[in-house]
Amino acid sequence: MRIKHVRMIIKSDGSCTVDAINFTDATCTQATQQILSALGGPIAEDRFKPEAQRLPRQANNRKEATR
């Protein structure tokens, strides 16, 4: 199993790159958005991976009837 994680590279000029690794759906944007908002600077470029377009799977909330 591959572990989901976020890789952040900060260069000596102060610019940084934030990359979500091993995410299979749009939850990657939630993980990176928290980091980007904490950094507080302007975003120079956004590049979305294909998996960012996939909606997360919903949990089955149906309950079975009991007698």
Protein backbone atom coordinates (compact mmCIF):
# COMPACT_ATOMS: atom_id res chain seq x y z
CA MET A 1 0.00 0.00 0.00
CA ARG A 2 1.31 3.42 -0.91
CA ILE A 3 1.13 6.09 1.75
CA LYS A 4 -0.50 9.40 0.87
CA HIS A 5 1.74 12.33 1.65
CA VAL A 6 2.54 15.89 0.63
CA ARG A 7 6.00 16.86 -0.58
CA MET A 8 7.05 20.47 -0.14
CA ILE A 9 10.23 21.84 -1.69
CA ILE A 10 11.44 25.27 -0.58
CA LYS A 11 14.13 26.83 -2.76
CA SER A 12 16.81 29.26 -1.60
CA ASP A 13 14.98 32.15 -3.33
CA GLY A 14 11.94 31.52 -1.08
CA SER A 15 9.72 29.98 -3.75
CA CYS A 16 8.21 26.60 -2.99
CA THR A 17 6.47 23.68 -4.63
CA VAL A 18 3.74 21.64 -2.95
CA ASP A 19 2.91 18.23 -4.43
CA ALA A 20 0.37 15.63 -3.27
CA ILE A 21 1.75 12.10 -3.70
CA ASN A 22 -0.27 8.83 -3.97
CA PHE A 23 -3.70 10.46 -3.78
CA THR A 24 -6.28 8.83 -6.07
CA ASP A 25 -8.98 11.51 -6.02
CA ALA A 26 -9.71 15.18 -5.33
CA THR A 27 -8.81 14.90 -1.63
CA CYS A 28 -5.32 15.88 -2.76
CA THR A 29 -6.52 19.47 -3.16
CA GLN A 30 -7.72 19.56 0.46
CA ALA A 31 -4.34 18.40 1.70
CA THR A 32 -2.37 20.93 -0.34
CA GLN A 33 -4.80 23.81 0.20
CA GLN A 34 -4.21 23.76 3.95
CA ILE A 35 -0.47 24.11 3.43
CA LEU A 36 -0.85 26.83 0.78
CA SER A 37 -3.12 28.92 2.99
CA ALA A 38 -0.67 28.58 5.90
CA LEU A 39 2.16 29.84 3.70
CA GLY A 40 0.09 32.94 2.95
CA GLY A 41 1.94 34.06 -0.17
CA PRO A 42 0.61 34.43 -3.70
CA ILE A 43 0.24 31.32 -5.85
CA ALA A 44 2.26 31.74 -9.03
CA GLU A 45 0.99 28.62 -10.79
CA ASP A 46 -1.51 25.82 -10.19
CA ARG A 47 -1.15 22.50 -11.99
CA PHE A 48 -3.76 19.86 -11.29
CA LYS A 49 -3.04 16.18 -11.81
CA PRO A 50 -5.71 14.05 -13.53
CA GLU A 51 -6.70 12.45 -10.22
CA ALA A 52 -7.67 15.89 -8.86
CA GLN A 53 -10.71 15.72 -11.16
CA ARG A 54 -12.04 12.52 -9.56
CA LEU A 55 -14.59 12.90 -6.81
CA PRO A 56 -13.84 11.06 -3.56
CA ARG A 57 -15.80 7.87 -2.96
CA GLN A 58 -18.77 8.34 -0.67
CA ALA A 59 -19.29 6.09 2.32
CA ASN A 60 -22.33 3.88 2.13
CA ASN A 61 -24.75 5.60 4.53
CA ARG A 62 -27.65 3.23 3.87
CA LYS A 63 -28.79 1.43 6.98
CA GLU A 64 -30.20 -2.06 6.93
CA ALA A 65 -33.72 -2.53 8.25
CA THR A 66 -33.96 -4.69 11.37
CA ARG A 67 -36.96 -6.72 12.44
